PDB file of N, CA and C in Angstrom:
ATOM      1  N   MET A   1    -125.461  13.129 -15.462  1.00  0.00           N
ATOM      2  CA  MET A   1    -125.635  13.088 -14.007  1.00  0.00           C
ATOM      3  C   MET A   1    -126.807  12.159 -13.630  1.00  0.00           C
ATOM      4  N   ASN A   2    -126.588  11.338 -12.595  1.00  0.00           N
ATOM      5  CA  ASN A   2    -127.560  10.406 -12.192  1.00  0.00           C
ATOM      6  C   ASN A   2    -128.605  11.173 -11.317  1.00  0.00           C
ATOM      7  N   ALA A   3    -129.846  10.907 -11.668  1.00  0.00           N
ATOM      8  CA  ALA A   3    -130.940  11.621 -10.897  1.00  0.00           C
ATOM      9  C   ALA A   3    -131.336  10.865  -9.599  1.00  0.00           C
ATOM     10  N   ASP A   4    -130.859   9.651  -9.466  1.00  0.00           N
ATOM     11  CA  ASP A   4    -131.262   8.860  -8.258  1.00  0.00           C
ATOM     12  C   ASP A   4    -130.512   9.389  -7.042  1.00  0.00           C
ATOM     13  N   PRO A   5    -131.273   9.875  -6.029  1.00  0.00           N
ATOM     14  CA  PRO A   5    -130.590  10.443  -4.835  1.00  0.00           C
ATOM     15  C   PRO A   5    -129.643   9.466  -4.082  1.00  0.00           C
ATOM     16  N   HIS A   6    -129.969   8.179  -4.075  1.00  0.00           N
ATOM     17  CA  HIS A   6    -129.186   7.201  -3.426  1.00  0.00           C
ATOM     18  C   HIS A   6    -127.857   7.061  -4.186  1.00  0.00           C
ATOM     19  N   ALA A   7    -127.861   7.071  -5.425  1.00  0.00           N
ATOM     20  CA  ALA A   7    -126.615   6.994  -6.284  1.00  0.00           C
ATOM     21  C   ALA A   7    -125.694   8.229  -5.983  1.00  0.00           C
ATOM     22  N   ARG A   8    -126.367   9.432  -5.865  1.00  0.00           N
ATOM     23  CA  ARG A   8    -125.628  10.663  -5.647  1.00  0.00           C
ATOM     24  C   ARG A   8    -124.961  10.598  -4.284  1.00  0.00           C
ATOM     25  N   GLU A   9    -125.706  10.085  -3.279  1.00  0.00           N
ATOM     26  CA  GLU A   9    -125.163   9.963  -1.984  1.00  0.00           C
ATOM     27  C   GLU A   9    -123.996   8.971  -1.913  1.00  0.00           C
ATOM     28  N   TYR A  10    -124.163   7.886  -2.635  1.00  0.00           N
ATOM     29  CA  TYR A  10    -123.069   6.915  -2.662  1.00  0.00           C
ATOM     30  C   TYR A  10    -121.766   7.507  -3.360  1.00  0.00           C
ATOM     31  N   LEU A  11    -122.015   8.232  -4.421  1.00  0.00           N
ATOM     32  CA  LEU A  11    -120.861   8.812  -5.053  1.00  0.00           C
ATOM     33  C   LEU A  11    -120.147   9.919  -4.289  1.00  0.00           C
ATOM     34  N   ALA A  12    -120.932  10.662  -3.464  1.00  0.00           N
ATOM     35  CA  ALA A  12    -120.421  11.687  -2.647  1.00  0.00           C
ATOM     36  C   ALA A  12    -119.578  10.998  -1.487  1.00  0.00           C
ATOM     37  N   ALA A  13    -120.073   9.927  -0.951  1.00  0.00           N
ATOM     38  CA  ALA A  13    -119.424   9.278   0.143  1.00  0.00           C
ATOM     39  C   ALA A  13    -118.200   8.549  -0.360  1.00  0.00           C
ATOM     40  N   ALA A  14    -118.233   7.951  -1.538  1.00  0.00           N
ATOM     41  CA  ALA A  14    -117.042   7.279  -2.102  1.00  0.00           C
ATOM     42  C   ALA A  14    -115.944   8.274  -2.429  1.00  0.00           C
ATOM     43  N   ALA A  15    -116.306   9.505  -2.838  1.00  0.00           N
ATOM     44  CA  ALA A  15    -115.286  10.539  -3.177  1.00  0.00           C
ATOM     45  C   ALA A  15    -114.554  10.925  -1.966  1.00  0.00           C
ATOM     46  N   ALA A  16    -115.172  10.892  -0.774  1.00  0.00           N
ATOM     47  CA  ALA A  16    -114.485  11.389   0.431  1.00  0.00           C
ATOM     48  C   ALA A  16    -113.902  10.233   1.211  1.00  0.00           C
ATOM     49  N   LEU A  17    -114.082   8.985   0.783  1.00  0.00           N
ATOM     50  CA  LEU A  17    -113.559   7.880   1.478  1.00  0.00           C
ATOM     51  C   LEU A  17    -112.085   7.862   1.780  1.00  0.00           C
ATOM     52  N   HIS A  18    -111.281   8.305   0.853  1.00  0.00           N
ATOM     53  CA  HIS A  18    -109.812   8.262   1.046  1.00  0.00           C
ATOM     54  C   HIS A  18    -109.411   9.110   2.162  1.00  0.00           C
ATOM     55  N   GLU A  19    -110.077  10.129   2.613  1.00  0.00           N
ATOM     56  CA  GLU A  19    -109.747  10.971   3.751  1.00  0.00           C
ATOM     57  C   GLU A  19    -109.953  10.294   5.056  1.00  0.00           C
ATOM     58  N   GLN A  20    -110.715   9.253   5.120  1.00  0.00           N
ATOM     59  CA  GLN A  20    -111.089   8.624   6.344  1.00  0.00           C
ATOM     60  C   GLN A  20    -110.265   7.293   6.607  1.00  0.00           C
ATOM     61  N   THR A  21    -109.644   6.751   5.596  1.00  0.00           N
ATOM     62  CA  THR A  21    -109.042   5.377   5.752  1.00  0.00           C
ATOM     63  C   THR A  21    -107.556   5.490   5.925  1.00  0.00           C
ATOM     64  N   VAL A  22    -107.012   4.510   6.621  1.00  0.00           N
ATOM     65  CA  VAL A  22    -105.589   4.375   6.818  1.00  0.00           C
ATOM     66  C   VAL A  22    -105.067   3.680   5.601  1.00  0.00           C
ATOM     67  N   SER A  23    -103.792   4.051   5.205  1.00  0.00           N
ATOM     68  CA  SER A  23    -103.269   3.348   4.035  1.00  0.00           C
ATOM     69  C   SER A  23    -103.174   1.873   4.223  1.00  0.00           C
ATOM     70  N   PRO A  24    -103.271   1.096   3.092  1.00  0.00           N
ATOM     71  CA  PRO A  24    -103.278  -0.416   3.280  1.00  0.00           C
ATOM     72  C   PRO A  24    -102.011  -0.871   3.936  1.00  0.00           C
ATOM     73  N   ARG A  25    -100.851  -0.218   3.771  1.00  0.00           N
ATOM     74  CA  ARG A  25     -99.646  -0.611   4.471  1.00  0.00           C
ATOM     75  C   ARG A  25     -99.654  -0.306   5.963  1.00  0.00           C
ATOM     76  N   GLY A  26    -100.437   0.533   6.392  1.00  0.00           N
ATOM     77  CA  GLY A  26    -100.462   0.911   7.676  1.00  0.00           C
ATOM     78  C   GLY A  26     -99.338   1.903   8.066  1.00  0.00           C
ATOM     79  N   PHE A  27     -98.879   1.864   9.295  1.00  0.00           N
ATOM     80  CA  PHE A  27     -97.762   2.794   9.692  1.00  0.00           C
ATOM     81  C   PHE A  27     -96.528   1.965   9.733  1.00  0.00           C
ATOM     82  N   ARG A  28     -95.435   2.558   9.499  1.00  0.00           N
ATOM     83  CA  ARG A  28     -94.102   1.930   9.514  1.00  0.00           C
ATOM     84  C   ARG A  28     -93.258   2.336  10.648  1.00  0.00           C
ATOM     85  N   PRO A  29     -92.427   1.512  11.226  1.00  0.00           N
ATOM     86  CA  PRO A  29     -91.505   1.904  12.273  1.00  0.00           C
ATOM     87  C   PRO A  29     -90.685   3.117  11.922  1.00  0.00           C
ATOM     88  N   GLY A  30     -90.538   4.025  12.952  1.00  0.00           N
ATOM     89  CA  GLY A  30     -89.864   5.249  12.725  1.00  0.00           C
ATOM     90  C   GLY A  30     -90.679   6.423  12.328  1.00  0.00           C
ATOM     91  N   GLN A  31     -91.997   6.155  11.989  1.00  0.00           N
ATOM     92  CA  GLN A  31     -92.882   7.169  11.514  1.00  0.00           C
ATOM     93  C   GLN A  31     -93.359   8.039  12.654  1.00  0.00           C
ATOM     94  N   ARG A  32     -93.388   9.391  12.598  1.00  0.00           N
ATOM     95  CA  ARG A  32     -93.842  10.268  13.591  1.00  0.00           C
ATOM     96  C   ARG A  32     -95.342  10.309  13.471  1.00  0.00           C
ATOM     97  N   VAL A  33     -96.075  10.189  14.612  1.00  0.00           N
ATOM     98  CA  VAL A  33     -97.535  10.133  14.600  1.00  0.00           C
ATOM     99  C   VAL A  33     -98.000  10.919  15.848  1.00  0.00           C
ATOM    100  N   LEU A  34     -99.398  11.150  15.862  1.00  0.00           N
ATOM    101  CA  LEU A  34    -100.059  11.831  16.944  1.00  0.00           C
ATOM    102  C   LEU A  34    -100.992  10.802  17.477  1.00  0.00           C
ATOM    103  N   VAL A  35    -100.909  10.590  18.835  1.00  0.00           N
ATOM    104  CA  VAL A  35    -101.722   9.538  19.504  1.00  0.00           C
ATOM    105  C   VAL A  35    -102.374  10.158  20.771  1.00  0.00           C
ATOM    106  N   PRO A  36    -103.488   9.506  21.304  1.00  0.00           N
ATOM    107  CA  PRO A  36    -104.032   9.973  22.488  1.00  0.00           C
ATOM    108  C   PRO A  36    -103.103   9.792  23.748  1.00  0.00           C
ATOM    109  N   ARG A  37    -103.247  10.712  24.641  1.00  0.00           N
ATOM    110  CA  ARG A  37    -102.430  10.576  25.898  1.00  0.00           C
ATOM    111  C   ARG A  37    -102.916   9.422  26.713  1.00  0.00           C
ATOM    112  N   ALA A  38    -102.012   8.727  27.365  1.00  0.00           N
ATOM    113  CA  ALA A  38    -102.361   7.609  28.205  1.00  0.00           C
ATOM    114  C   ALA A  38    -103.008   8.089  29.550  1.00  0.00           C
ATOM    115  N   PHE A  39    -102.489   9.171  30.030  1.00  0.00           N
ATOM    116  CA  PHE A  39    -102.987   9.812  31.304  1.00  0.00           C
ATOM    117  C   PHE A  39    -103.387  11.254  31.011  1.00  0.00           C
ATOM    118  N   GLY A  40    -104.613  11.553  31.246  1.00  0.00           N
ATOM    119  CA  GLY A  40    -105.078  12.951  31.011  1.00  0.00           C
ATOM    120  C   GLY A  40    -105.758  12.943  29.705  1.00  0.00           C
ATOM    121  N   SER A  41    -106.162  14.115  29.303  1.00  0.00           N
ATOM    122  CA  SER A  41    -106.857  14.226  27.999  1.00  0.00           C
ATOM    123  C   SER A  41    -105.885  14.889  26.956  1.00  0.00           C
ATOM    124  N   GLY A  42    -106.278  14.752  25.690  1.00  0.00           N
ATOM    125  CA  GLY A  42    -105.499  15.386  24.586  1.00  0.00           C
ATOM    126  C   GLY A  42    -104.697  14.407  23.878  1.00  0.00           C
ATOM    127  N   TYR A  43    -103.764  14.945  23.077  1.00  0.00           N
ATOM    128  CA  TYR A  43    -102.919  14.028  22.251  1.00  0.00           C
ATOM    129  C   TYR A  43    -101.435  14.360  22.447  1.00  0.00           C
ATOM    130  N   GLN A  44    -100.604  13.459  22.026  1.00  0.00           N
ATOM    131  CA  GLN A  44     -99.207  13.603  22.152  1.00  0.00           C
ATOM    132  C   GLN A  44     -98.490  13.059  20.904  1.00  0.00           C
ATOM    133  N   GLU A  45     -97.310  13.560  20.607  1.00  0.00           N
ATOM    134  CA  GLU A  45     -96.505  13.027  19.518  1.00  0.00           C
ATOM    135  C   GLU A  45     -95.790  11.755  19.935  1.00  0.00           C
ATOM    136  N   GLY A  46     -95.515  10.904  19.001  1.00  0.00           N
ATOM    137  CA  GLY A  46     -94.796   9.641  19.225  1.00  0.00           C
ATOM    138  C   GLY A  46     -94.172   9.180  17.968  1.00  0.00           C
ATOM    139  N   THR A  47     -93.461   8.047  18.141  1.00  0.00           N
ATOM    140  CA  THR A  47     -92.798   7.449  17.072  1.00  0.00           C
ATOM    141  C   THR A  47     -93.167   5.926  17.004  1.00  0.00           C
ATOM    142  N   VAL A  48     -93.627   5.447  15.938  1.00  0.00           N
ATOM    143  CA  VAL A  48     -94.014   4.038  15.788  1.00  0.00           C
ATOM    144  C   VAL A  48     -92.831   3.220  16.015  1.00  0.00           C
ATOM    145  N   TYR A  49     -92.890   2.177  16.951  1.00  0.00           N
ATOM    146  CA  TYR A  49     -91.858   1.299  17.274  1.00  0.00           C
ATOM    147  C   TYR A  49     -91.987   0.025  16.428  1.00  0.00           C
ATOM    148  N   SER A  50     -93.212  -0.551  16.509  1.00  0.00           N
ATOM    149  CA  SER A  50     -93.399  -1.809  15.717  1.00  0.00           C
ATOM    150  C   SER A  50     -94.891  -2.108  15.670  1.00  0.00           C
ATOM    151  N   THR A  51     -95.203  -3.167  14.921  1.00  0.00           N
ATOM    152  CA  THR A  51     -96.615  -3.644  14.921  1.00  0.00           C
ATOM    153  C   THR A  51     -96.739  -4.954  15.697  1.00  0.00           C
ATOM    154  N   THR A  52     -97.939  -5.242  16.107  1.00  0.00           N
ATOM    155  CA  THR A  52     -98.190  -6.466  16.802  1.00  0.00           C
ATOM    156  C   THR A  52     -99.615  -6.863  16.515  1.00  0.00           C
ATOM    157  N   ASP A  53     -99.858  -8.149  16.545  1.00  0.00           N
ATOM    158  CA  ASP A  53    -101.199  -8.677  16.359  1.00  0.00           C
ATOM    159  C   ASP A  53    -101.771  -9.166  17.662  1.00  0.00           C
ATOM    160  N   GLU A  54    -102.691  -8.466  18.188  1.00  0.00           N
ATOM    161  CA  GLU A  54    -103.333  -8.845  19.461  1.00  0.00           C
ATOM    162  C   GLU A  54    -104.514  -9.781  19.138  1.00  0.00           C
ATOM    163  N   ARG A  55    -104.685 -10.763  20.015  1.00  0.00           N
ATOM    164  CA  ARG A  55    -105.750 -11.785  19.806  1.00  0.00           C
ATOM    165  C   ARG A  55    -107.172 -11.170  19.726  1.00  0.00           C
ATOM    166  N   ARG A  56    -107.494 -10.281  20.614  1.00  0.00           N
ATOM    167  CA  ARG A  56    -108.844  -9.665  20.602  1.00  0.00           C
ATOM    168  C   ARG A  56    -108.982  -8.421  19.854  1.00  0.00           C
ATOM    169  N   LEU A  57    -107.772  -7.669  19.646  1.00  0.00           N
ATOM    170  CA  LEU A  57    -107.871  -6.361  19.026  1.00  0.00           C
ATOM    171  C   LEU A  57    -107.468  -6.318  17.579  1.00  0.00           C
ATOM    172  N   GLY A  58    -106.783  -7.361  17.097  1.00  0.00           N
ATOM    173  CA  GLY A  58    -106.263  -7.374  15.766  1.00  0.00           C
ATOM    174  C   GLY A  58    -104.958  -6.607  15.667  1.00  0.00           C
ATOM    175  N   ARG A  59    -104.649  -6.038  14.578  1.00  0.00           N
ATOM    176  CA  ARG A  59    -103.398  -5.319  14.336  1.00  0.00           C
ATOM    177  C   ARG A  59    -103.327  -4.019  15.273  1.00  0.00           C
ATOM    178  N   CYS A  60    -102.243  -3.908  15.977  1.00  0.00           N
ATOM    179  CA  CYS A  60    -102.035  -2.790  16.788  1.00  0.00           C
ATOM    180  C   CYS A  60    -100.608  -2.288  16.595  1.00  0.00           C
ATOM    181  N   TYR A  61    -100.301  -1.110  17.139  1.00  0.00           N
ATOM    182  CA  TYR A  61     -98.949  -0.516  16.967  1.00  0.00           C
ATOM    183  C   TYR A  61     -98.447  -0.234  18.301  1.00  0.00           C
ATOM    184  N   LEU A  62     -97.138  -0.468  18.517  1.00  0.00           N
ATOM    185  CA  LEU A  62     -96.412   0.020  19.687  1.00  0.00           C
ATOM    186  C   LEU A  62     -95.830   1.351  19.349  1.00  0.00           C
ATOM    187  N   VAL A  63     -96.156   2.385  20.112  1.00  0.00           N
ATOM    188  CA  VAL A  63     -95.652   3.761  19.808  1.00  0.00           C
ATOM    189  C   VAL A  63     -94.940   4.280  21.000  1.00  0.00           C
ATOM    190  N   ASP A  64     -93.755   4.748  20.832  1.00  0.00           N
ATOM    191  CA  ASP A  64     -92.921   5.385  21.879  1.00  0.00           C
ATOM    192  C   ASP A  64     -93.370   6.821  22.014  1.00  0.00           C
ATOM    193  N   THR A  65     -93.740   7.152  23.248  1.00  0.00           N
ATOM    194  CA  THR A  65     -94.184   8.539  23.557  1.00  0.00           C
ATOM    195  C   THR A  65     -93.451   9.052  24.863  1.00  0.00           C
ATOM    196  N   GLU A  66     -93.769  10.272  25.300  1.00  0.00           N
ATOM    197  CA  GLU A  66     -93.182  10.747  26.522  1.00  0.00           C
ATOM    198  C   GLU A  66     -93.700   9.924  27.701  1.00  0.00           C
ATOM    199  N   GLN A  67     -94.892   9.316  27.626  1.00  0.00           N
ATOM    200  CA  GLN A  67     -95.458   8.562  28.670  1.00  0.00           C
ATOM    201  C   GLN A  67     -95.103   7.066  28.584  1.00  0.00           C
ATOM    202  N   GLY A  68     -94.088   6.757  27.749  1.00  0.00           N
ATOM    203  CA  GLY A  68     -93.700   5.358  27.596  1.00  0.00           C
ATOM    204  C   GLY A  68     -94.158   4.719  26.302  1.00  0.00           C
ATOM    205  N   ARG A  69     -93.929   3.456  26.177  1.00  0.00           N
ATOM    206  CA  ARG A  69     -94.374   2.751  24.995  1.00  0.00           C
ATOM    207  C   ARG A  69     -95.871   2.307  25.130  1.00  0.00           C
ATOM    208  N   LEU A  70     -96.700   2.719  24.244  1.00  0.00           N
ATOM    209  CA  LEU A  70     -98.123   2.494  24.342  1.00  0.00           C
ATOM    210  C   LEU A  70     -98.571   1.551  23.212  1.00  0.00           C
ATOM    211  N   LEU A  71     -99.536   0.722  23.528  1.00  0.00           N
ATOM    212  CA  LEU A  71    -100.160  -0.114  22.519  1.00  0.00           C
ATOM    213  C   LEU A  71    -101.397   0.636  21.992  1.00  0.00           C
ATOM    214  N   ILE A  72    -101.397   0.971  20.671  1.00  0.00           N
ATOM    215  CA  ILE A  72    -102.398   1.869  20.095  1.00  0.00           C
ATOM    216  C   ILE A  72    -103.087   1.176  18.936  1.00  0.00           C
ATOM    217  N   LEU A  73    -104.384   1.324  18.827  1.00  0.00           N
ATOM    218  CA  LEU A  73    -105.175   0.787  17.695  1.00  0.00           C
ATOM    219  C   LEU A  73    -104.919   1.707  16.501  1.00  0.00           C
ATOM    220  N   PRO A  74    -104.949   1.248  15.296  1.00  0.00           N
ATOM    221  CA  PRO A  74    -104.734   2.079  14.078  1.00  0.00           C
ATOM    222  C   PRO A  74    -105.745   3.223  13.914  1.00  0.00           C
ATOM    223  N   ASP A  75    -106.983   3.088  14.468  1.00  0.00           N
ATOM    224  CA  ASP A  75    -107.945   4.219  14.284  1.00  0.00           C
ATOM    225  C   ASP A  75    -107.592   5.319  15.231  1.00  0.00           C
ATOM    226  N   GLU A  76    -106.717   5.128  16.180  1.00  0.00           N
ATOM    227  CA  GLU A  76    -106.429   6.159  17.141  1.00  0.00           C
ATOM    228  C   GLU A  76    -105.147   6.956  16.675  1.00  0.00           C
ATOM    229  N   ILE A  77    -104.547   6.602  15.605  1.00  0.00           N
ATOM    230  CA  ILE A  77    -103.286   7.253  15.152  1.00  0.00           C
ATOM    231  C   ILE A  77    -103.554   8.161  14.036  1.00  0.00           C
ATOM    232  N   ALA A  78    -102.901   9.345  14.144  1.00  0.00           N
ATOM    233  CA  ALA A  78    -102.860  10.321  13.001  1.00  0.00           C
ATOM    234  C   ALA A  78    -101.484  10.587  12.641  1.00  0.00           C
ATOM    235  N   VAL A  79    -101.173  10.720  11.378  1.00  0.00           N
ATOM    236  CA  VAL A  79     -99.796  10.916  10.864  1.00  0.00           C
ATOM    237  C   VAL A  79     -99.516  12.529  10.991  1.00  0.00           C
ATOM    238  N   LEU A  80     -98.349  12.812  11.434  1.00  0.00           N
ATOM    239  CA  LEU A  80     -97.998  14.206  11.551  1.00  0.00           C
ATOM    240  C   LEU A  80     -97.498  14.734  10.224  1.00  0.00           C
TER     241      LEU A  80
END
């Protein structure tokens, strides 16, 4: 075991990294997801419609929800 506290901190962070990252492929059309509500607070279920590349935002997803089709950033999406 490494006695260096910085090395231990790095190894602990690296071990938990997979829990925080989106898969490299991203989300695929037809996938059920949980996204923030457009109006009001909380979350709602939706279905990924497609991906799009926005000039200022980068890769985004169009998600069909009860509130309509929303443009959502990948960090705002959780898989059901």
